[in-house]
Amino acid sequence: MYQPNDVDKIENEDWEDFKKRAAQEETYYAGPGDLLDTAEGRATFCRCNESGLFQKPDPAYPGYKIFVFNNQGEGMVVKRRSRVDPALMEDVEFNAQGVEISKSYEPA
């Protein structure tokens, strides 16, 4: 199984193969400790993936999804069901280095 720091070892040209293998192993977003859980992982994801929408089932809330709005090389927004109040969606904005810029909530 891949670990979050494995993204530091992946060259840009190998990124597509890494994503395919990681997706098969449920590491794309599988809760704490996965690829998007670290600043380094988010930065690599942001840099290597084209701008667009990515989604994955939310392991904490079966039947719901986690959405990643990526702006390649600029930043990303991760939207998921709030862990505090399931009636809300938590929107967390990250810069290109994977550092949190802001957090907001909206009705689910």
Protein backbone atom coordinates (compact mmCIF):
# COMPACT_ATOMS: atom_id res chain seq x y z
CA MET A 1 0.00 0.00 0.00
CA TYR A 2 1.20 3.51 -0.80
CA GLN A 3 2.05 5.99 1.92
CA PRO A 4 1.52 9.79 1.68
CA ASN A 5 5.24 10.50 1.34
CA ASP A 6 5.46 8.19 -1.69
CA VAL A 7 4.35 11.13 -3.84
CA ASP A 8 7.72 12.77 -3.18
CA LYS A 9 9.40 9.87 -4.98
CA ILE A 10 7.27 10.03 -8.15
CA GLU A 11 8.64 11.77 -11.22
CA ASN A 12 6.19 13.82 -13.31
CA GLU A 13 6.33 11.40 -16.22
CA ASP A 14 5.35 8.49 -13.93
CA TRP A 15 2.41 10.34 -12.32
CA GLU A 16 -0.36 8.80 -14.47
CA ASP A 17 0.80 5.26 -13.66
CA PHE A 18 1.06 6.16 -9.99
CA LYS A 19 -2.50 7.53 -9.95
CA LYS A 20 -3.87 4.37 -11.60
CA ARG A 21 -2.13 2.09 -9.10
CA ALA A 22 -3.06 4.35 -6.17
CA ALA A 23 -6.72 4.48 -7.22
CA GLN A 24 -6.83 0.69 -7.30
CA GLU A 25 -5.51 0.64 -3.75
CA GLU A 26 -7.98 3.27 -2.49
CA THR A 27 -5.23 5.75 -1.59
CA TYR A 28 -6.48 8.68 -3.68
CA TYR A 29 -8.56 9.70 -0.68
CA ALA A 30 -9.10 7.06 1.96
CA GLY A 31 -9.15 9.20 5.09
CA PRO A 32 -6.33 10.39 7.33
CA GLY A 33 -2.88 9.47 6.07
CA ASP A 34 -3.63 9.37 2.34
CA LEU A 35 -2.34 11.40 -0.62
CA LEU A 36 -4.45 14.53 -0.01
CA ASP A 37 -3.89 14.49 3.74
CA THR A 38 -0.42 16.07 3.58
CA ALA A 39 0.74 19.39 2.15
CA GLU A 40 3.34 17.57 0.02
CA GLY A 41 0.72 15.20 -1.38
CA ARG A 42 -1.68 18.04 -2.19
CA ALA A 43 1.10 20.05 -3.86
CA THR A 44 2.08 17.10 -6.04
CA PHE A 45 -1.56 16.38 -6.88
CA CYS A 46 -2.12 20.05 -7.80
CA ARG A 47 1.00 20.24 -9.96
CA CYS A 48 0.64 16.93 -11.80
CA ASN A 49 -3.10 16.83 -12.50
CA GLU A 50 -4.84 18.96 -15.09
CA SER A 51 -7.39 21.55 -14.00
CA GLY A 52 -10.74 19.92 -13.41
CA LEU A 53 -13.00 18.08 -11.01
CA PHE A 54 -11.98 14.85 -9.30
CA GLN A 55 -14.16 12.80 -6.98
CA LYS A 56 -13.89 9.79 -4.72
CA PRO A 57 -16.27 8.02 -2.33
CA ASP A 58 -16.00 9.42 1.19
CA PRO A 59 -14.85 6.65 3.56
CA ALA A 60 -16.38 8.47 6.55
CA TYR A 61 -19.81 8.83 4.92
CA PRO A 62 -20.75 5.89 2.68
CA GLY A 63 -22.88 7.00 -0.25
CA TYR A 64 -21.31 10.48 -0.34
CA LYS A 65 -18.35 11.78 -2.31
CA ILE A 66 -15.33 13.98 -1.74
CA PHE A 67 -14.81 16.51 -4.54
CA VAL A 68 -11.47 18.06 -5.49
CA PHE A 69 -11.56 21.11 -7.75
CA ASN A 70 -8.01 21.37 -9.06
CA ASN A 71 -6.51 24.43 -10.76
CA GLN A 72 -3.24 22.97 -12.04
CA GLY A 73 -0.24 24.60 -10.44
CA GLU A 74 -2.39 27.27 -8.75
CA GLY A 75 -4.33 25.53 -5.97
CA MET A 76 -7.32 23.37 -5.17
CA VAL A 77 -10.54 23.22 -3.20
CA VAL A 78 -11.55 20.03 -1.39
CA LYS A 79 -15.28 19.71 -0.64
CA ARG A 80 -16.60 16.99 1.63
CA ARG A 81 -19.33 16.32 4.15
CA SER A 82 -18.52 18.13 7.39
CA ARG A 83 -17.25 15.88 10.18
CA VAL A 84 -18.86 18.25 12.72
CA ASP A 85 -22.32 18.70 11.16
CA PRO A 86 -23.30 16.25 8.38
CA ALA A 87 -25.91 18.77 7.16
CA LEU A 88 -23.02 20.95 5.91
CA MET A 89 -20.35 20.64 3.25
CA GLU A 90 -16.85 21.71 4.28
CA ASP A 91 -14.92 23.60 1.58
CA VAL A 92 -11.17 23.85 2.20
CA GLU A 93 -9.06 25.92 -0.18
CA PHE A 94 -5.35 25.12 -0.59
CA ASN A 95 -2.60 27.02 -2.41
CA ALA A 96 -0.19 25.40 -4.90
CA GLN A 97 2.07 24.26 -2.02
CA GLY A 98 -0.83 22.37 -0.42
CA VAL A 99 -1.17 24.80 2.49
CA GLU A 100 -4.69 25.63 3.71
CA ILE A 101 -5.79 29.16 2.77
CA SER A 102 -9.39 29.17 3.95
CA LYS A 103 -12.24 27.01 5.16
CA SER A 104 -15.94 27.63 4.69
CA TYR A 105 -19.20 25.74 5.04
CA GLU A 106 -22.33 25.50 2.92
CA PRO A 107 -25.56 23.51 3.16
CA ALA A 108 -25.26 19.95 1.93
